[in-house]
Amino acid sequence: MKNIIIISLVTYFSAGPLLAEATVQSCNRTVTFENPPERAVSNDVNLTEMMLVLGLADQMVGYTGISGWKTLDAEMRSGVKELPELSAKYPTKEVLVGADADFFFAGWNYGMKVGGEVTPETLELFGIKVYELTESCSHIMDKDKASLNDMYADILNLGKIFGVKSRAEALVESYKSELESFKAKLMNIDEGLRVFVYDSGEDAPFTAGRYGMPTALIEAAGGQNIMDDLNKSWGTVSWEEVVDRDPQVVVIVNYGDVTAKQKREFMMSNPAFKKISAVKNNRFVTLEYVEATPGPRNIKAVKNLADAFWTK
């Protein structure tokens, strides 16, 4: 009898640890997961990379919202090569239900729209749980100014949800350590360096505001977003405001049909912008969309910005 009990215990423990249920904060909701999702879907390149960097591809049935606006670089193509794109742009309920998804990692204006057909409430009816990108919570609730802690929170929460908490914690610690080591090397910087984020638009520019990740990246690199008083994550402003605030550097977000080179040429060739310091001194830096939005490439983005800001 004693031997039978010992054998049973060995078999029990060799099957791996039991996963405790996970409860996380998702914007203004508290969401509990009894078990890790097995048929997850992510929306957009940055959210998909968060899933991939945690090694969760085997627990995914696909992704959405990439090819309709963006192209995948070599790093992303390698990561998602075994996964289908279920929708080129925002998915419908039918797409997610048809994939038999049990989890959707998305955000407001990152796969979901306020008042739209795909929300945590509408998907709950089909047994699909949603975790919302922290940066995007400003669309539905009050939150603090954008911070790299937003990205760290998403990585840590995904770690809890999928039962890879230790992996997520180690990853976040490595990001923090890498960033602190890099920032310690920045010397003699003027933290008042004025920076404008040019996403798109010619008649009126679409830019990052107070709650957009570029504001956090710029500040981590030692600059200041001239539009950090825009109480949105992303929004449209006037060119007159940009001229009046006279950015010393312009950060161009590269994606879509209009290239970063074309955006730069538009600003350089427009007589209305000739007095802007960044234009006069030809000081532009490009961030890829996947670097400028919350995700694993944010630390690299800070380094790229700091090099452009302070390397003469």
Protein backbone atom coordinates (compact mmCIF):
# COMPACT_ATOMS: atom_id res chain seq x y z
CA MET A 1 0.00 0.00 0.00
CA LYS A 2 2.84 2.36 0.91
CA ASN A 3 4.52 1.76 -2.46
CA ILE A 4 1.26 2.44 -4.27
CA ILE A 5 0.93 5.79 -2.51
CA ILE A 6 4.52 6.76 -3.37
CA ILE A 7 4.03 5.82 -7.04
CA SER A 8 0.81 7.83 -7.15
CA LEU A 9 2.55 10.90 -5.70
CA VAL A 10 5.42 10.63 -8.21
CA THR A 11 2.94 10.41 -11.07
CA TYR A 12 0.98 13.38 -9.68
CA PHE A 13 3.97 15.69 -9.34
CA SER A 14 5.61 14.65 -12.62
CA ALA A 15 2.57 15.95 -14.48
CA GLY A 16 3.70 19.47 -13.54
CA PRO A 17 2.51 22.02 -11.03
CA LEU A 18 -1.15 22.86 -10.69
CA LEU A 19 -1.81 26.34 -12.04
CA ALA A 20 -3.60 28.63 -9.63
CA GLU A 21 -6.31 30.87 -11.04
CA ALA A 22 -5.12 34.32 -12.03
CA THR A 23 -6.85 37.62 -11.34
CA VAL A 24 -5.63 40.73 -13.16
CA GLN A 25 -6.71 44.33 -13.57
CA SER A 26 -7.76 45.14 -17.13
CA CYS A 27 -8.53 48.88 -17.34
CA ASN A 28 -11.51 49.34 -15.04
CA ARG A 29 -12.34 45.62 -14.83
CA THR A 30 -11.04 42.85 -12.61
CA VAL A 31 -10.81 39.65 -14.65
CA THR A 32 -10.26 36.15 -13.27
CA PHE A 33 -8.90 33.26 -15.34
CA GLU A 34 -9.54 29.81 -13.90
CA ASN A 35 -7.12 28.29 -16.42
CA PRO A 36 -4.62 29.68 -18.94
CA PRO A 37 -6.18 30.40 -22.34
CA GLU A 38 -5.52 27.76 -25.00
CA ARG A 39 -6.94 29.45 -28.10
CA ALA A 40 -5.81 33.07 -27.83
CA VAL A 41 -5.96 35.80 -30.47
CA SER A 42 -3.96 39.05 -30.37
CA ASN A 43 -4.54 42.23 -32.35
CA ASP A 44 -1.82 44.41 -33.92
CA VAL A 45 1.93 43.90 -34.20
CA ASN A 46 2.95 45.21 -30.79
CA LEU A 47 0.42 43.17 -28.83
CA THR A 48 1.27 40.08 -30.86
CA GLU A 49 4.96 40.57 -30.07
CA MET A 50 4.17 40.66 -26.35
CA MET A 51 2.57 37.25 -26.73
CA LEU A 52 5.49 35.90 -28.76
CA VAL A 53 8.22 37.21 -26.46
CA LEU A 54 6.58 35.25 -23.63
CA GLY A 55 6.63 32.08 -25.73
CA LEU A 56 2.86 31.83 -26.06
CA ALA A 57 2.54 30.97 -29.77
CA ASP A 58 1.42 27.42 -28.97
CA GLN A 59 -1.53 28.83 -27.03
CA MET A 60 -2.64 31.05 -29.91
CA VAL A 61 -4.94 30.30 -32.85
CA GLY A 62 -4.05 33.44 -34.77
CA TYR A 63 -3.73 37.21 -34.83
CA THR A 64 -5.58 40.14 -36.38
CA GLY A 65 -5.13 43.73 -37.48
CA ILE A 66 -1.69 43.76 -39.07
CA SER A 67 -1.62 43.46 -42.87
CA GLY A 68 -4.44 45.97 -43.33
CA TRP A 69 -2.11 48.77 -42.25
CA LYS A 70 1.40 47.45 -41.79
CA THR A 71 3.99 44.97 -43.01
CA LEU A 72 5.84 42.49 -40.87
CA ASP A 73 9.59 42.79 -40.55
CA ALA A 74 11.80 39.69 -40.55
CA GLU A 75 11.64 39.34 -36.77
CA MET A 76 7.85 39.33 -36.74
CA ARG A 77 7.48 37.09 -39.79
CA SER A 78 9.60 34.47 -38.07
CA GLY A 79 7.54 34.68 -34.90
CA VAL A 80 4.11 34.31 -36.48
CA LYS A 81 4.93 32.03 -39.42
CA GLU A 82 2.88 29.16 -37.98
CA LEU A 83 -0.10 31.38 -37.11
CA PRO A 84 -2.84 32.57 -39.47
CA GLU A 85 -3.97 36.17 -39.75
CA LEU A 86 -7.69 35.93 -39.06
CA SER A 87 -8.51 39.48 -40.12
CA ALA A 88 -6.43 42.12 -41.94
CA LYS A 89 -7.95 44.89 -39.82
CA TYR A 90 -10.16 44.89 -36.73
CA PRO A 91 -11.87 41.52 -36.29
CA THR A 92 -15.62 41.03 -36.11
CA LYS A 93 -17.30 38.93 -33.45
CA GLU A 94 -17.89 36.30 -36.13
CA VAL A 95 -14.15 36.05 -36.86
CA LEU A 96 -13.25 35.47 -33.21
CA VAL A 97 -16.14 33.07 -32.55
CA GLY A 98 -15.36 31.23 -35.79
CA ALA A 99 -11.78 30.69 -34.62
CA ASP A 100 -13.16 29.20 -31.39
CA ALA A 101 -11.07 31.76 -29.50
CA ASP A 102 -11.12 31.77 -25.71
CA PHE A 103 -9.05 34.95 -25.25
CA PHE A 104 -8.58 38.25 -27.08
CA PHE A 105 -5.65 40.54 -26.31
CA ALA A 106 -6.59 43.93 -27.73
CA GLY A 107 -7.02 47.55 -26.76
CA TRP A 108 -9.22 50.54 -27.36
CA ASN A 109 -8.30 51.64 -30.89
CA TYR A 110 -6.11 48.52 -30.99
CA GLY A 111 -8.77 46.11 -32.23
CA MET A 112 -11.76 47.44 -30.28
CA LYS A 113 -13.74 50.66 -30.49
CA VAL A 114 -15.74 52.26 -27.70
CA GLY A 115 -19.36 51.39 -28.46
CA GLY A 116 -18.30 48.95 -31.18
CA GLU A 117 -19.41 45.38 -31.78
CA VAL A 118 -16.23 43.85 -30.32
CA THR A 119 -15.84 44.70 -26.64
CA PRO A 120 -15.16 42.73 -23.47
CA GLU A 121 -18.91 42.70 -22.80
CA THR A 122 -19.99 41.49 -26.25
CA LEU A 123 -17.33 38.77 -26.35
CA GLU A 124 -18.14 37.54 -22.85
CA LEU A 125 -21.41 36.14 -24.23
CA PHE A 126 -19.33 33.74 -26.35
CA GLY A 127 -16.95 32.69 -23.59
CA ILE A 128 -14.12 34.87 -24.92
CA LYS A 129 -12.25 36.75 -22.20
CA VAL A 130 -10.50 40.02 -23.02
CA TYR A 131 -7.39 41.64 -21.62
CA GLU A 132 -7.07 45.32 -22.58
CA LEU A 133 -3.79 47.04 -23.45
CA THR A 134 -3.00 49.35 -20.53
CA GLU A 135 -1.99 52.35 -22.66
CA SER A 136 -5.43 52.28 -24.28
CA CYS A 137 -7.35 52.50 -21.00
CA SER A 138 -7.36 56.31 -21.26
CA HIS A 139 -10.21 55.95 -23.79
CA ILE A 140 -12.59 54.63 -21.13
CA MET A 141 -11.25 55.78 -17.75
CA ASP A 142 -8.93 58.22 -16.02
CA LYS A 143 -5.33 57.05 -15.92
CA ASP A 144 -1.87 58.42 -15.32
CA LYS A 145 0.35 59.82 -18.04
CA ALA A 146 1.89 57.21 -20.33
CA SER A 147 4.76 55.31 -18.78
CA LEU A 148 6.94 52.34 -19.56
CA ASN A 149 5.20 50.84 -16.54
CA ASP A 150 2.16 50.47 -18.81
CA MET A 151 4.10 48.05 -20.99
CA TYR A 152 5.63 46.29 -18.00
CA ALA A 153 2.14 45.81 -16.51
CA ASP A 154 0.91 44.16 -19.70
CA ILE A 155 3.82 41.73 -19.80
CA LEU A 156 3.35 40.84 -16.12
CA ASN A 157 -0.41 40.42 -16.46
CA LEU A 158 -0.02 38.19 -19.51
CA GLY A 159 2.45 36.16 -17.49
CA LYS A 160 -0.16 35.63 -14.77
CA ILE A 161 -2.95 34.87 -17.24
CA PHE A 162 -0.96 32.26 -19.16
CA GLY A 163 0.80 30.68 -16.19
CA VAL A 164 4.27 31.96 -17.10
CA LYS A 165 4.59 34.46 -14.27
CA SER A 166 8.29 33.80 -13.57
CA ARG A 167 9.16 34.20 -17.24
CA ALA A 168 7.32 37.51 -17.41
CA GLU A 169 8.92 38.82 -14.23
CA ALA A 170 12.41 37.92 -15.48
CA LEU A 171 11.71 39.64 -18.80
CA VAL A 172 10.49 42.85 -17.17
CA GLU A 173 13.48 42.92 -14.82
CA SER A 174 15.80 42.54 -17.80
CA TYR A 175 14.07 45.47 -19.56
CA LYS A 176 14.36 47.67 -16.47
CA SER A 177 18.01 46.76 -15.93
CA GLU A 178 18.89 47.39 -19.58
CA LEU A 179 17.18 50.77 -19.54
CA GLU A 180 18.74 51.88 -16.25
CA SER A 181 22.20 50.90 -17.46
CA PHE A 182 21.70 52.86 -20.65
CA LYS A 183 20.27 55.96 -18.93
CA ALA A 184 23.20 56.01 -16.51
CA LYS A 185 25.45 56.67 -19.51
CA LEU A 186 23.47 59.72 -20.66
CA MET A 187 25.33 62.80 -19.51
CA ASN A 188 24.93 66.55 -19.89
CA ILE A 189 21.45 66.33 -21.35
CA ASP A 190 18.87 69.08 -21.43
CA GLU A 191 15.60 67.45 -20.40
CA GLY A 192 13.74 70.37 -21.93
CA LEU A 193 14.58 69.23 -25.49
CA ARG A 194 11.38 69.88 -27.44
CA VAL A 195 10.17 66.91 -29.48
CA PHE A 196 7.21 66.50 -31.83
CA VAL A 197 5.79 63.14 -32.88
CA TYR A 198 4.64 63.09 -36.50
CA ASP A 199 2.46 60.08 -37.15
CA SER A 200 0.53 61.08 -40.25
CA GLY A 201 -1.56 63.73 -41.96
CA GLU A 202 -0.72 66.73 -44.14
CA ASP A 203 -3.68 69.07 -43.65
CA ALA A 204 -3.44 68.52 -39.88
CA PRO A 205 -0.95 66.24 -38.12
CA PHE A 206 -1.93 63.17 -36.14
CA THR A 207 0.35 62.93 -33.12
CA ALA A 208 0.93 61.32 -29.73
CA GLY A 209 -0.48 63.05 -26.67
CA ARG A 210 -0.16 62.69 -22.93
CA TYR A 211 -1.36 59.10 -22.78
CA GLY A 212 0.50 57.76 -25.84
CA MET A 213 3.58 55.59 -25.41
CA PRO A 214 5.84 57.96 -27.44
CA THR A 215 5.52 60.51 -24.61
CA ALA A 216 7.01 57.95 -22.20
CA LEU A 217 9.74 56.97 -24.67
CA ILE A 218 10.72 60.59 -25.31
CA GLU A 219 10.91 61.35 -21.60
CA ALA A 220 12.97 58.22 -20.92
CA ALA A 221 15.39 59.43 -23.61
CA GLY A 222 15.68 62.86 -21.98
CA GLY A 223 13.27 64.93 -24.06
CA GLN A 224 9.78 66.39 -23.74
CA ASN A 225 6.84 65.81 -26.05
CA ILE A 226 5.59 69.28 -27.03
CA MET A 227 2.05 67.84 -27.13
CA ASP A 228 2.07 66.22 -23.71
CA ASP A 229 -0.80 68.51 -22.72
CA LEU A 230 -3.03 66.85 -25.35
CA ASN A 231 -5.31 64.75 -23.13
CA LYS A 232 -5.43 61.83 -25.53
CA SER A 233 -3.18 58.93 -26.38
CA TRP A 234 -3.24 59.89 -30.07
CA GLY A 235 -5.05 62.75 -31.75
CA THR A 236 -5.05 65.50 -34.34
CA VAL A 237 -3.64 68.97 -33.67
CA SER A 238 -2.97 71.97 -35.91
CA TRP A 239 0.26 72.78 -37.70
CA GLU A 240 0.04 76.27 -36.16
CA GLU A 241 0.44 74.68 -32.71
CA VAL A 242 3.47 72.76 -33.91
CA VAL A 243 5.10 75.87 -35.37
CA ASP A 244 4.38 77.90 -32.23
CA ARG A 245 5.93 75.24 -29.96
CA ASP A 246 8.99 74.99 -32.21
CA PRO A 247 10.18 71.38 -31.80
CA GLN A 248 13.92 70.85 -31.90
CA VAL A 249 13.50 67.25 -33.06
CA VAL A 250 10.72 65.52 -35.01
CA VAL A 251 10.05 61.83 -34.39
CA ILE A 252 8.40 60.22 -37.42
CA VAL A 253 6.35 57.05 -36.91
CA ASN A 254 6.91 54.80 -39.91
CA TYR A 255 4.03 52.69 -41.19
CA GLY A 256 1.35 52.70 -43.85
CA ASP A 257 1.39 53.91 -47.45
CA VAL A 258 3.23 57.17 -46.74
CA THR A 259 6.84 56.40 -45.86
CA ALA A 260 8.93 58.10 -43.20
CA LYS A 261 11.04 59.58 -45.99
CA GLN A 262 7.95 61.14 -47.61
CA LYS A 263 6.79 62.58 -44.29
CA ARG A 264 10.19 64.12 -43.71
CA GLU A 265 10.29 65.56 -47.23
CA PHE A 266 6.83 67.07 -46.72
CA MET A 267 7.99 68.93 -43.64
CA MET A 268 11.33 69.97 -45.14
CA SER A 269 9.78 71.32 -48.34
CA ASN A 270 6.83 73.19 -46.84
CA PRO A 271 7.59 76.94 -46.50
CA ALA A 272 5.21 77.13 -43.53
CA PHE A 273 7.62 75.03 -41.48
CA LYS A 274 10.89 76.74 -42.38
CA LYS A 275 11.20 78.44 -38.98
CA ILE A 276 10.81 75.21 -37.00
CA SER A 277 14.16 74.38 -35.37
CA ALA A 278 13.96 70.70 -36.30
CA VAL A 279 13.42 71.62 -39.95
CA LYS A 280 16.15 74.29 -39.99
CA ASN A 281 18.63 71.84 -38.48
CA ASN A 282 17.33 68.75 -40.30
CA ARG A 283 16.80 66.85 -37.04
CA PHE A 284 14.48 63.93 -37.67
CA VAL A 285 14.44 60.44 -36.20
CA THR A 286 12.30 57.52 -37.31
CA LEU A 287 10.58 54.98 -35.09
CA GLU A 288 8.86 51.97 -36.57
CA TYR A 289 5.23 51.61 -35.50
CA VAL A 290 6.11 48.50 -33.47
CA GLU A 291 8.70 50.54 -31.56
CA ALA A 292 6.43 53.53 -30.94
CA THR A 293 3.54 51.50 -29.50
CA PRO A 294 3.65 49.50 -26.24
CA GLY A 295 5.67 46.33 -26.64
CA PRO A 296 8.99 44.54 -26.37
CA ARG A 297 10.80 46.99 -28.65
CA ASN A 298 10.21 50.02 -26.42
CA ILE A 299 13.65 49.80 -24.80
CA LYS A 300 15.32 49.78 -28.21
CA ALA A 301 13.17 52.78 -29.12
CA VAL A 302 14.41 54.74 -26.11
CA LYS A 303 18.00 54.02 -27.13
CA ASN A 304 17.32 55.10 -30.72
CA LEU A 305 15.74 58.33 -29.55
CA ALA A 306 18.52 59.13 -27.09
CA ASP A 307 21.15 58.55 -29.78
CA ALA A 308 19.31 60.96 -32.09
CA PHE A 309 18.72 63.52 -29.34
CA TRP A 310 22.23 63.65 -27.89
CA THR A 311 24.71 62.27 -30.44
CA LYS A 312 26.11 65.10 -32.47
